[in-house]
Amino acid sequence: MATRSETDDRAAPRLTVDADDNKRRGRAWRYAPLAAWTAVIFFASTGAGAAANTSLIVEPLTRWLFPHISDERVQFVHFVVRKLAHFTGYATLALLAARAFIPSSKKFLQSHWLAAALVYVVCISLADEFNQSFNPARTGTIKDSALDTFSGLTALAFLAYLRVRRRRRRARASSRESFI
C-alpha cells in the first residue's frame, strides 16, 4: 500500500501538467483570434480585395439603396467603404493584439501592451502594403499604411481610456467601502 507521501508525489506532476495545459489553452484562446484576423487581412490584400472585386458588391448595393445616384457618387461611396474597411480591420487587429498582450505571462507585454500592439499593427500594415505592391490588381501605398496605423492607434487609445476609467471607478468604490 502506498504511503501518503508517495500518493502526493504521484498527484503533484498531474497538477503541473494541468496547469501547463491551462496556460497553453489560455494562450491559444488569446492568440488564435489575432492570428486568424491577421490571416484575413493578408487574404484581403490579395486580388480578392481588389477594387474591381469589391465594386461588384458595393456598386449594386449602393444603386439599390439610392437608385438615382450618379456614377461619381457611386465611386465616392466605393472609396469610402474601402477606407472604412481599412479602418475597422486594423482597429480590430489592434484590439485583438491588446487582448492577447494584456494578460500575457511576459511582464514586458503586460506593462507595454499598448506599444506592443501598435508595433504589431504597424508591422502587419507595412507587410500588407508591401504584399499589395507585387499584385497588379492592387496598389500598395504608404497612405493606406498610415491610415491603418491611425486606425490601430485610435482603437488602442480608446481602450486605454476605458481601462483608466474603469480603474478609477474601482478605486473610488473601494475608497467608499473603506469609509463604511
Protein backbone atom coordinates (compact mmCIF):
# COMPACT_ATOMS: atom_id res chain seq x y z
CA MET A 1 0.00 0.00 0.00
CA ALA A 2 1.28 3.43 -0.90
CA THR A 3 2.13 5.84 1.84
CA ARG A 4 0.67 9.31 1.93
CA SER A 5 3.87 10.93 0.63
CA GLU A 6 4.03 8.56 -2.35
CA THR A 7 0.42 9.39 -3.24
CA ASP A 8 1.11 13.11 -3.03
CA ASP A 9 4.18 12.72 -5.24
CA ARG A 10 2.15 10.95 -7.92
CA ALA A 11 -0.56 13.61 -7.82
CA ALA A 12 1.84 16.56 -7.99
CA PRO A 13 3.03 16.03 -11.57
CA ARG A 14 -0.59 15.75 -12.73
CA LEU A 15 -1.36 19.15 -11.22
CA THR A 16 1.63 20.65 -13.03
CA VAL A 17 0.52 19.13 -16.32
CA ASP A 18 -2.99 20.55 -15.81
CA ALA A 19 -1.60 24.00 -15.03
CA ASP A 20 0.63 23.90 -18.11
CA ASP A 21 -2.28 22.69 -20.20
CA ASN A 22 -4.46 25.54 -18.90
CA LYS A 23 -1.71 28.05 -19.72
CA ARG A 24 -1.48 26.68 -23.28
CA ARG A 25 -5.24 26.81 -23.69
CA GLY A 26 -5.33 30.36 -22.35
CA ARG A 27 -2.54 31.43 -24.68
CA ALA A 28 -4.27 29.81 -27.65
CA TRP A 29 -7.55 31.47 -26.63
CA ARG A 30 -5.80 34.86 -26.68
CA TYR A 31 -3.59 34.49 -29.75
CA ALA A 32 -5.75 32.39 -32.12
CA PRO A 33 -8.18 35.24 -32.93
CA LEU A 34 -5.21 37.56 -33.51
CA ALA A 35 -3.60 35.06 -35.89
CA ALA A 36 -6.91 34.42 -37.66
CA TRP A 37 -7.60 38.15 -38.14
CA THR A 38 -4.06 38.68 -39.41
CA ALA A 39 -4.72 35.93 -41.96
CA VAL A 40 -7.96 37.66 -43.00
CA ILE A 41 -6.03 40.90 -43.55
CA PHE A 42 -3.44 39.14 -45.69
CA PHE A 43 -6.18 37.38 -47.66
CA ALA A 44 -7.85 40.74 -48.29
CA SER A 45 -4.54 42.10 -49.60
CA THR A 46 -4.63 39.60 -52.46
CA GLY A 47 -6.58 40.13 -55.66
CA ALA A 48 -9.72 39.12 -53.77
CA GLY A 49 -9.72 42.51 -52.05
CA ALA A 50 -9.04 44.49 -55.22
CA ALA A 51 -11.29 47.44 -56.05
CA ALA A 52 -12.62 45.61 -59.11
CA ASN A 53 -13.90 42.82 -56.87
CA THR A 54 -15.27 44.95 -54.04
CA SER A 55 -17.11 47.13 -56.54
CA LEU A 56 -19.12 44.04 -57.52
CA ILE A 57 -20.72 44.23 -54.08
CA VAL A 58 -20.64 47.93 -53.24
CA GLU A 59 -21.91 49.33 -56.56
CA PRO A 60 -25.09 47.22 -56.87
CA LEU A 61 -25.90 47.73 -53.20
CA THR A 62 -25.40 51.49 -53.50
CA ARG A 63 -27.53 51.66 -56.64
CA TRP A 64 -30.25 49.60 -54.95
CA LEU A 65 -30.27 51.88 -51.88
CA PHE A 66 -30.03 55.08 -53.96
CA PRO A 67 -31.49 54.42 -57.44
CA HIS A 68 -30.80 57.90 -58.83
CA ILE A 69 -27.19 58.18 -57.68
CA SER A 70 -24.59 59.37 -60.18
CA ASP A 71 -21.57 57.31 -61.25
CA GLU A 72 -19.24 59.77 -59.49
CA ARG A 73 -21.13 59.34 -56.24
CA VAL A 74 -21.01 55.55 -56.58
CA GLN A 75 -17.23 55.76 -56.99
CA PHE A 76 -17.02 58.02 -53.95
CA VAL A 77 -19.14 55.62 -51.86
CA HIS A 78 -16.92 52.75 -53.00
CA PHE A 79 -13.82 54.70 -51.97
CA VAL A 80 -15.29 55.49 -48.54
CA VAL A 81 -16.38 51.88 -47.97
CA ARG A 82 -12.87 50.65 -48.80
CA LYS A 83 -11.25 53.16 -46.41
CA LEU A 84 -13.73 52.28 -43.68
CA ALA A 85 -12.84 48.64 -44.21
CA HIS A 86 -9.19 49.56 -43.65
CA PHE A 87 -10.12 51.49 -40.53
CA THR A 88 -12.29 48.82 -38.95
CA GLY A 89 -10.00 45.98 -39.99
CA TYR A 90 -6.93 47.49 -38.37
CA ALA A 91 -8.82 48.78 -35.33
CA THR A 92 -10.00 45.21 -34.81
CA LEU A 93 -6.44 43.94 -35.27
CA ALA A 94 -5.18 46.39 -32.64
CA LEU A 95 -7.86 45.36 -30.14
CA LEU A 96 -7.14 41.67 -30.70
CA ALA A 97 -3.43 42.33 -30.19
CA ALA A 98 -4.18 44.19 -26.95
CA ARG A 99 -6.45 41.31 -25.90
CA ALA A 100 -3.55 38.93 -26.40
CA PHE A 101 -0.85 41.08 -24.79
CA ILE A 102 -2.57 42.49 -21.68
CA PRO A 103 -2.89 39.16 -19.80
CA SER A 104 0.42 37.84 -21.12
CA SER A 105 2.72 35.87 -18.83
CA LYS A 106 5.54 38.10 -20.08
CA LYS A 107 5.80 41.16 -17.84
CA PHE A 108 7.12 43.30 -20.69
CA LEU A 109 4.00 42.67 -22.78
CA GLN A 110 1.75 43.27 -19.77
CA SER A 111 3.32 46.62 -18.97
CA HIS A 112 3.83 47.78 -22.58
CA TRP A 113 0.74 46.27 -24.17
CA LEU A 114 -0.26 49.46 -25.97
CA ALA A 115 3.14 49.97 -27.61
CA ALA A 116 3.47 46.26 -28.45
CA ALA A 117 0.02 46.18 -30.04
CA LEU A 118 0.76 49.33 -32.03
CA VAL A 119 4.09 47.91 -33.25
CA TYR A 120 2.25 44.74 -34.30
CA VAL A 121 -0.31 46.82 -36.25
CA VAL A 122 2.42 48.85 -37.95
CA CYS A 123 4.34 45.70 -38.95
CA ILE A 124 1.25 43.98 -40.35
CA SER A 125 0.20 47.16 -42.15
CA LEU A 126 3.60 47.60 -43.80
CA ALA A 127 3.74 43.92 -44.73
CA ASP A 128 0.20 44.15 -46.15
CA GLU A 129 1.05 47.14 -48.33
CA PHE A 130 4.34 45.56 -49.39
CA ASN A 131 2.43 42.42 -50.39
CA GLN A 132 -0.03 44.52 -52.39
CA SER A 133 2.79 46.19 -54.31
CA PHE A 134 3.50 42.85 -56.04
CA ASN A 135 -0.10 42.35 -57.14
CA PRO A 136 -1.04 44.14 -60.41
CA ALA A 137 -4.69 44.36 -59.29
CA ARG A 138 -3.69 46.19 -56.08
CA THR A 139 -1.80 49.34 -55.18
CA GLY A 140 0.32 49.29 -52.06
CA THR A 141 0.62 52.82 -50.69
CA ILE A 142 2.17 54.31 -47.60
CA LYS A 143 -1.02 56.38 -47.22
CA ASP A 144 -3.01 53.20 -46.58
CA SER A 145 -0.38 52.10 -44.10
CA ALA A 146 -0.70 55.45 -42.31
CA LEU A 147 -4.50 55.04 -42.21
CA ASP A 148 -4.07 51.53 -40.82
CA THR A 149 -1.68 52.77 -38.14
CA PHE A 150 -4.02 55.63 -37.24
CA SER A 151 -6.90 53.14 -37.01
CA GLY A 152 -4.98 50.90 -34.64
CA LEU A 153 -3.81 53.85 -32.55
CA THR A 154 -7.36 55.19 -32.29
CA ALA A 155 -8.71 51.84 -31.08
CA LEU A 156 -5.84 51.40 -28.61
CA ALA A 157 -6.23 54.94 -27.24
CA PHE A 158 -9.94 54.33 -26.70
CA LEU A 159 -9.20 51.02 -24.96
CA ALA A 160 -6.57 52.68 -22.74
CA TYR A 161 -9.09 55.40 -21.85
CA LEU A 162 -11.69 52.77 -20.88
CA ARG A 163 -9.15 50.88 -18.77
CA VAL A 164 -8.11 54.04 -16.89
CA ARG A 165 -11.73 54.99 -16.34
CA ARG A 166 -12.57 51.52 -15.00
CA ARG A 167 -9.53 51.60 -12.70
CA ARG A 168 -10.61 54.99 -11.30
CA ARG A 169 -14.16 53.75 -10.70
CA ARG A 170 -12.85 50.73 -8.83
CA ALA A 171 -10.56 52.94 -6.73
CA ARG A 172 -13.48 55.22 -5.85
CA ALA A 173 -15.67 52.26 -4.99
CA SER A 174 -13.03 50.70 -2.76
CA SER A 175 -12.37 54.04 -1.01
CA ARG A 176 -16.09 54.39 -0.31
CA GLU A 177 -16.20 50.86 1.13
CA SER A 178 -13.31 51.64 3.45
CA PHE A 179 -15.31 54.52 5.00
CA ILE A 180 -18.27 52.26 5.76
